[in-house]
């Protein structure tokens, strides 16, 4: 197969067969009269805490358990209505390629789980509410 690759205003016609590549022809390209506009690549935005709350209802009254750092929710260990002890793991948050256990700051009952598995959260986003 033949390909044309442009690098630094040089066109390279390259022929590739069975893992072997050879340059067939090199030509200089004309300088563009107008520089191309930069292409912005942007990832889909993560749901904001307000959006997460809208999915799971309005936040319940109680003690909020916030995310201590930005990251991705990889596991939710608690269930709504579950009794939890202080220090019990509620959510596993991945941040900087490390798994961080988010624990209950108080003893109580899980009133609401706002975090969604796979979602990105920012520092301070409420993950769980304990009553």
N, C-alpha and C. Protein backbone atom coordinates (compact mmCIF):
# COMPACT_ATOMS: atom_id res chain seq x y z
N UNK A 1 0.84 -1.17 0.00
CA UNK A 1 0.00 0.00 0.00
C UNK A 1 0.88 1.22 0.00
N UNK A 2 0.41 2.28 -0.63
CA UNK A 2 1.15 3.52 -0.67
C UNK A 2 0.44 4.54 0.20
N UNK A 3 1.23 5.30 0.93
CA UNK A 3 0.72 6.36 1.79
C UNK A 3 1.50 7.62 1.50
N UNK A 4 0.85 8.76 1.67
CA UNK A 4 1.53 10.05 1.58
C UNK A 4 1.49 10.68 2.96
N UNK A 5 2.67 10.95 3.49
CA UNK A 5 2.81 11.51 4.82
C UNK A 5 3.46 12.88 4.68
N UNK A 6 2.89 13.90 5.33
CA UNK A 6 3.45 15.25 5.28
C UNK A 6 4.07 15.58 6.61
N UNK A 7 5.36 15.90 6.59
CA UNK A 7 6.10 16.28 7.79
C UNK A 7 6.93 17.51 7.46
N UNK A 8 6.74 18.59 8.23
CA UNK A 8 7.51 19.82 8.04
C UNK A 8 7.55 20.27 6.58
N UNK A 9 6.38 20.40 5.99
CA UNK A 9 6.22 20.85 4.60
C UNK A 9 6.90 19.94 3.58
N UNK A 10 7.11 18.69 3.92
CA UNK A 10 7.66 17.70 3.00
C UNK A 10 6.65 16.57 2.86
N UNK A 11 6.32 16.22 1.62
CA UNK A 11 5.45 15.07 1.36
C UNK A 11 6.33 13.85 1.12
N UNK A 12 6.06 12.80 1.83
CA UNK A 12 6.79 11.55 1.66
C UNK A 12 5.81 10.51 1.16
N UNK A 13 6.07 9.96 -0.02
CA UNK A 13 5.24 8.88 -0.52
C UNK A 13 5.92 7.59 -0.07
N UNK A 14 5.22 6.84 0.77
CA UNK A 14 5.80 5.66 1.40
C UNK A 14 5.03 4.43 0.95
N UNK A 15 5.78 3.39 0.62
CA UNK A 15 5.17 2.14 0.22
C UNK A 15 5.42 1.12 1.32
N UNK A 16 4.35 0.47 1.78
CA UNK A 16 4.45 -0.49 2.88
C UNK A 16 3.96 -1.84 2.39
N UNK A 17 4.82 -2.86 2.56
CA UNK A 17 4.44 -4.23 2.21
C UNK A 17 5.02 -5.19 3.24
N UNK A 18 4.16 -5.98 3.85
CA UNK A 18 4.56 -7.03 4.79
C UNK A 18 5.56 -6.54 5.84
N UNK A 19 5.25 -5.41 6.48
CA UNK A 19 6.09 -4.91 7.55
C UNK A 19 7.31 -4.14 7.08
N UNK A 20 7.54 -4.03 5.77
CA UNK A 20 8.66 -3.28 5.22
C UNK A 20 8.13 -1.97 4.66
N UNK A 21 8.81 -0.87 4.94
CA UNK A 21 8.41 0.43 4.43
C UNK A 21 9.58 1.05 3.68
N UNK A 22 9.28 1.66 2.55
CA UNK A 22 10.33 2.35 1.81
C UNK A 22 9.76 3.64 1.24
N UNK A 23 10.59 4.68 1.23
CA UNK A 23 10.18 5.97 0.69
C UNK A 23 10.34 5.91 -0.81
N UNK A 24 9.26 6.19 -1.53
CA UNK A 24 9.27 6.14 -2.97
C UNK A 24 9.64 7.50 -3.54
N UNK A 25 9.06 8.56 -2.99
CA UNK A 25 9.27 9.89 -3.53
C UNK A 25 9.10 10.92 -2.42
N UNK A 26 9.90 12.00 -2.49
CA UNK A 26 9.78 13.11 -1.55
C UNK A 26 9.57 14.39 -2.34
N UNK A 27 8.55 15.16 -1.96
CA UNK A 27 8.31 16.46 -2.60
C UNK A 27 8.06 17.49 -1.54
N UNK A 28 8.32 18.74 -1.90
CA UNK A 28 8.09 19.83 -0.96
C UNK A 28 6.69 20.36 -1.18
N UNK A 29 5.98 20.65 -0.09
CA UNK A 29 4.63 21.19 -0.21
C UNK A 29 4.69 22.69 -0.24
N UNK A 30 3.68 23.29 -0.83
CA UNK A 30 3.57 24.75 -0.83
C UNK A 30 3.17 25.19 0.56
N UNK A 31 3.76 26.29 1.01
CA UNK A 31 3.42 26.80 2.34
C UNK A 31 1.97 27.24 2.33
N UNK A 32 1.22 26.89 3.32
CA UNK A 32 -0.19 27.29 3.35
C UNK A 32 -0.29 28.81 3.52
N UNK A 33 -1.25 29.39 2.80
CA UNK A 33 -1.42 30.84 2.87
C UNK A 33 -2.02 31.26 4.21
N UNK A 34 -2.82 30.39 4.78
CA UNK A 34 -3.42 30.66 6.09
C UNK A 34 -3.11 29.45 6.98
N UNK A 35 -2.53 29.70 8.14
CA UNK A 35 -2.23 28.55 8.99
C UNK A 35 -3.52 27.86 9.43
N UNK A 36 -3.48 26.55 9.51
CA UNK A 36 -4.70 25.84 9.91
C UNK A 36 -5.08 26.20 11.35
N UNK A 37 -6.38 26.23 11.58
CA UNK A 37 -6.87 26.53 12.93
C UNK A 37 -6.57 25.35 13.84
N UNK A 38 -6.18 25.62 15.08
CA UNK A 38 -5.92 24.52 16.00
C UNK A 38 -7.20 23.73 16.26
N UNK A 39 -7.03 22.45 16.39
CA UNK A 39 -8.16 21.57 16.67
C UNK A 39 -8.16 21.26 18.15
N UNK A 40 -9.25 21.58 18.81
CA UNK A 40 -9.37 21.32 20.24
C UNK A 40 -10.00 19.95 20.45
N UNK A 41 -9.33 19.13 21.21
CA UNK A 41 -9.86 17.82 21.56
C UNK A 41 -10.24 17.88 23.02
N UNK A 42 -11.48 17.62 23.30
CA UNK A 42 -11.96 17.73 24.67
C UNK A 42 -12.75 16.49 25.04
N UNK A 43 -12.46 15.96 26.20
CA UNK A 43 -13.19 14.79 26.69
C UNK A 43 -14.58 15.22 27.12
N UNK A 44 -15.48 14.29 27.12
CA UNK A 44 -16.83 14.57 27.59
C UNK A 44 -16.76 14.97 29.05
N UNK A 45 -17.49 16.03 29.42
CA UNK A 45 -17.42 16.48 30.81
C UNK A 45 -18.04 15.46 31.76
N UNK A 46 -17.42 15.34 32.90
CA UNK A 46 -17.95 14.44 33.93
C UNK A 46 -19.17 15.09 34.57
N UNK A 47 -20.11 14.30 35.03
CA UNK A 47 -21.27 14.89 35.67
C UNK A 47 -20.87 15.67 36.92
N UNK A 48 -21.43 16.85 37.05
CA UNK A 48 -21.17 17.68 38.23
C UNK A 48 -21.92 17.12 39.41
N UNK A 49 -21.53 17.48 40.64
CA UNK A 49 -22.24 16.97 41.81
C UNK A 49 -23.74 17.26 41.73
N UNK A 50 -24.09 18.43 41.22
CA UNK A 50 -25.51 18.76 41.11
C UNK A 50 -26.20 17.79 40.16
N UNK A 51 -25.49 17.40 39.07
CA UNK A 51 -26.07 16.44 38.13
C UNK A 51 -26.20 15.07 38.79
N UNK A 52 -25.20 14.68 39.57
CA UNK A 52 -25.26 13.39 40.26
C UNK A 52 -26.41 13.39 41.25
N UNK A 53 -26.58 14.50 41.97
CA UNK A 53 -27.68 14.60 42.92
C UNK A 53 -29.02 14.52 42.19
N UNK A 54 -29.07 15.13 41.01
CA UNK A 54 -30.32 15.09 40.26
C UNK A 54 -30.65 13.66 39.84
N UNK A 55 -29.62 12.87 39.53
CA UNK A 55 -29.84 11.49 39.15
C UNK A 55 -30.35 10.69 40.35
N UNK A 56 -29.75 10.91 41.50
CA UNK A 56 -30.09 10.13 42.69
C UNK A 56 -31.02 10.89 43.64
N UNK A 57 -31.65 11.95 43.20
CA UNK A 57 -32.54 12.73 44.05
C UNK A 57 -31.78 13.82 44.78
N UNK A 58 -32.52 14.65 45.50
CA UNK A 58 -31.88 15.73 46.24
C UNK A 58 -31.14 15.13 47.43
N UNK A 59 -30.01 15.74 47.81
CA UNK A 59 -29.24 15.17 48.93
C UNK A 59 -30.08 15.11 50.21
N UNK A 60 -29.99 14.00 50.89
CA UNK A 60 -30.72 13.80 52.14
C UNK A 60 -30.04 14.58 53.26
N UNK A 61 -30.80 14.84 54.31
CA UNK A 61 -30.22 15.49 55.49
C UNK A 61 -29.33 14.48 56.20
N UNK A 62 -28.26 14.96 56.77
CA UNK A 62 -27.35 14.08 57.48
C UNK A 62 -25.92 14.54 57.33
N UNK A 63 -25.00 13.64 57.57
CA UNK A 63 -23.57 13.95 57.48
C UNK A 63 -23.08 13.59 56.08
N UNK A 64 -22.66 14.60 55.31
CA UNK A 64 -22.14 14.29 53.97
C UNK A 64 -20.74 13.70 54.07
N UNK A 65 -20.43 12.79 53.17
CA UNK A 65 -19.09 12.21 53.07
C UNK A 65 -18.51 12.73 51.75
N UNK A 66 -17.62 13.74 51.82
CA UNK A 66 -17.09 14.33 50.60
C UNK A 66 -15.87 13.56 50.06
N UNK A 67 -15.60 13.76 48.78
CA UNK A 67 -14.39 13.20 48.16
C UNK A 67 -13.21 14.04 48.64
N UNK A 68 -12.18 13.41 49.20
CA UNK A 68 -11.04 14.17 49.70
C UNK A 68 -10.09 14.63 48.59
N UNK A 69 -10.29 14.11 47.37
CA UNK A 69 -9.42 14.43 46.24
C UNK A 69 -10.18 14.15 44.96
N UNK A 70 -9.75 14.71 43.84
CA UNK A 70 -10.39 14.36 42.58
C UNK A 70 -10.02 12.93 42.18
N UNK A 71 -10.95 12.26 41.53
CA UNK A 71 -10.68 10.88 41.11
C UNK A 71 -11.88 10.26 40.44
N UNK A 72 -11.82 8.95 40.28
CA UNK A 72 -12.89 8.19 39.65
C UNK A 72 -13.43 7.17 40.64
N UNK A 73 -14.75 7.12 40.78
CA UNK A 73 -15.38 6.14 41.66
C UNK A 73 -15.29 4.79 40.99
N UNK A 74 -14.56 3.85 41.62
CA UNK A 74 -14.43 2.53 41.00
C UNK A 74 -15.25 1.47 41.71
N UNK A 75 -15.69 1.76 42.94
CA UNK A 75 -16.51 0.78 43.66
C UNK A 75 -17.28 1.48 44.76
N UNK A 76 -18.52 1.05 44.95
CA UNK A 76 -19.35 1.54 46.05
C UNK A 76 -19.62 0.36 46.97
N UNK A 77 -19.10 0.43 48.18
CA UNK A 77 -19.17 -0.69 49.12
C UNK A 77 -20.41 -0.65 50.02
N UNK A 78 -21.07 0.49 50.09
CA UNK A 78 -22.24 0.63 50.97
C UNK A 78 -23.53 0.58 50.15
N UNK A 79 -24.63 0.36 50.87
CA UNK A 79 -25.95 0.36 50.24
C UNK A 79 -26.85 1.27 51.05
N UNK A 80 -27.82 1.86 50.40
CA UNK A 80 -28.78 2.72 51.09
C UNK A 80 -29.50 1.90 52.15
N UNK A 81 -29.59 2.47 53.36
CA UNK A 81 -30.24 1.80 54.47
C UNK A 81 -29.30 0.95 55.31
N UNK A 82 -28.07 0.78 54.87
CA UNK A 82 -27.09 -0.03 55.59
C UNK A 82 -26.57 0.71 56.82
N UNK A 83 -26.48 0.00 57.95
CA UNK A 83 -25.86 0.57 59.15
C UNK A 83 -24.36 0.50 58.98
N UNK A 84 -23.68 1.62 59.27
CA UNK A 84 -22.22 1.66 59.13
C UNK A 84 -21.60 2.17 60.43
N UNK A 85 -20.40 1.70 60.68
CA UNK A 85 -19.62 2.15 61.83
C UNK A 85 -18.61 3.19 61.36
N UNK A 86 -18.18 4.03 62.28
CA UNK A 86 -17.17 5.01 61.94
C UNK A 86 -15.92 4.28 61.45
N UNK A 87 -15.36 4.70 60.32
CA UNK A 87 -14.18 4.07 59.76
C UNK A 87 -14.46 2.97 58.75
N UNK A 88 -15.73 2.59 58.59
CA UNK A 88 -16.09 1.54 57.64
C UNK A 88 -15.97 2.09 56.21
N UNK A 89 -15.45 1.27 55.30
CA UNK A 89 -15.25 1.69 53.91
C UNK A 89 -16.60 1.83 53.20
N UNK A 90 -16.80 3.00 52.57
CA UNK A 90 -18.04 3.26 51.84
C UNK A 90 -17.82 3.25 50.33
N UNK A 91 -16.72 3.87 49.90
CA UNK A 91 -16.46 4.04 48.47
C UNK A 91 -14.97 3.83 48.22
N UNK A 92 -14.63 3.27 47.06
CA UNK A 92 -13.24 3.18 46.62
C UNK A 92 -13.08 4.20 45.49
N UNK A 93 -12.13 5.11 45.68
CA UNK A 93 -11.89 6.19 44.74
C UNK A 93 -10.49 6.02 44.15
N UNK A 94 -10.39 5.98 42.83
CA UNK A 94 -9.09 5.89 42.19
C UNK A 94 -8.59 7.30 41.89
N UNK A 95 -7.40 7.60 42.38
CA UNK A 95 -6.77 8.89 42.13
C UNK A 95 -5.29 8.64 41.91
N UNK A 96 -4.76 9.15 40.84
CA UNK A 96 -3.35 9.00 40.49
C UNK A 96 -2.92 7.54 40.50
N UNK A 97 -3.76 6.68 39.90
CA UNK A 97 -3.50 5.25 39.75
C UNK A 97 -3.41 4.51 41.08
N UNK A 98 -3.99 5.09 42.14
CA UNK A 98 -4.03 4.43 43.44
C UNK A 98 -5.47 4.33 43.90
N UNK A 99 -5.81 3.23 44.56
CA UNK A 99 -7.14 3.06 45.11
C UNK A 99 -7.15 3.62 46.52
N UNK A 100 -8.11 4.52 46.79
CA UNK A 100 -8.23 5.16 48.09
C UNK A 100 -9.57 4.78 48.71
N UNK A 101 -9.52 4.30 49.95
CA UNK A 101 -10.75 3.93 50.65
C UNK A 101 -11.33 5.17 51.31
N UNK A 102 -12.58 5.46 50.98
CA UNK A 102 -13.29 6.57 51.60
C UNK A 102 -14.16 5.96 52.69
N UNK A 103 -13.92 6.36 53.94
CA UNK A 103 -14.58 5.73 55.08
C UNK A 103 -15.63 6.63 55.70
N UNK A 104 -16.49 6.03 56.49
CA UNK A 104 -17.55 6.75 57.18
C UNK A 104 -16.94 7.59 58.31
N UNK A 105 -17.22 8.89 58.32
CA UNK A 105 -16.68 9.74 59.39
C UNK A 105 -17.45 9.58 60.70
N UNK A 106 -18.67 9.05 60.62
CA UNK A 106 -19.52 8.87 61.81
C UNK A 106 -20.25 7.53 61.71
N UNK A 107 -20.79 7.08 62.84
CA UNK A 107 -21.63 5.89 62.86
C UNK A 107 -23.04 6.32 62.46
N UNK A 108 -23.75 5.49 61.73
CA UNK A 108 -25.11 5.82 61.36
C UNK A 108 -25.64 4.89 60.30
N UNK A 109 -26.64 5.40 59.56
CA UNK A 109 -27.28 4.64 58.49
C UNK A 109 -27.07 5.40 57.20
N UNK A 110 -26.71 4.68 56.13
CA UNK A 110 -26.51 5.32 54.83
C UNK A 110 -27.87 5.79 54.33
N UNK A 111 -28.04 7.12 54.29
CA UNK A 111 -29.31 7.70 53.85
C UNK A 111 -29.38 7.80 52.34
N UNK A 112 -28.22 8.07 51.72
CA UNK A 112 -28.22 8.26 50.27
C UNK A 112 -26.82 8.03 49.72
N UNK A 113 -26.77 7.43 48.55
CA UNK A 113 -25.51 7.26 47.82
C UNK A 113 -25.63 8.14 46.58
N UNK A 114 -24.81 9.17 46.55
CA UNK A 114 -24.86 10.12 45.43
C UNK A 114 -23.86 9.72 44.35
N UNK A 115 -22.74 9.14 44.75
CA UNK A 115 -21.70 8.75 43.78
C UNK A 115 -22.23 7.67 42.85
N UNK A 116 -21.73 7.70 41.63
CA UNK A 116 -22.10 6.69 40.63
C UNK A 116 -20.81 6.00 40.19
N UNK A 117 -20.82 4.68 40.19
CA UNK A 117 -19.62 3.93 39.78
C UNK A 117 -19.20 4.37 38.38
N UNK A 118 -17.89 4.67 38.25
CA UNK A 118 -17.35 5.09 36.96
C UNK A 118 -17.34 6.59 36.75
N UNK A 119 -17.99 7.34 37.65
CA UNK A 119 -18.04 8.79 37.47
C UNK A 119 -16.79 9.45 38.03
N UNK A 120 -16.46 10.61 37.49
CA UNK A 120 -15.36 11.40 38.00
C UNK A 120 -15.90 12.38 39.03
N UNK A 121 -15.14 12.57 40.10
CA UNK A 121 -15.55 13.49 41.14
C UNK A 121 -14.41 14.47 41.42
N UNK A 122 -14.78 15.62 41.93
CA UNK A 122 -13.80 16.64 42.31
C UNK A 122 -13.68 16.66 43.83
N UNK A 123 -12.65 17.30 44.32
CA UNK A 123 -12.47 17.45 45.76
C UNK A 123 -13.70 18.14 46.34
N UNK A 124 -14.26 17.56 47.37
CA UNK A 124 -15.41 18.15 48.06
C UNK A 124 -16.76 17.67 47.56
N UNK A 125 -16.81 16.96 46.43
CA UNK A 125 -18.09 16.44 45.95
C UNK A 125 -18.62 15.42 46.96
N UNK A 126 -19.91 15.51 47.27
CA UNK A 126 -20.52 14.59 48.24
C UNK A 126 -20.72 13.24 47.56
N UNK A 127 -20.19 12.18 48.20
CA UNK A 127 -20.31 10.83 47.67
C UNK A 127 -21.48 10.08 48.30
N UNK A 128 -21.59 10.22 49.63
CA UNK A 128 -22.59 9.49 50.42
C UNK A 128 -23.09 10.42 51.51
N UNK A 129 -24.33 10.21 51.94
CA UNK A 129 -24.88 10.95 53.08
C UNK A 129 -25.26 9.92 54.16
N UNK A 130 -24.78 10.16 55.40
CA UNK A 130 -25.07 9.27 56.53
C UNK A 130 -25.96 10.00 57.52
N UNK A 131 -27.02 9.31 58.00
CA UNK A 131 -27.89 9.90 59.03
C UNK A 131 -27.62 9.26 60.36
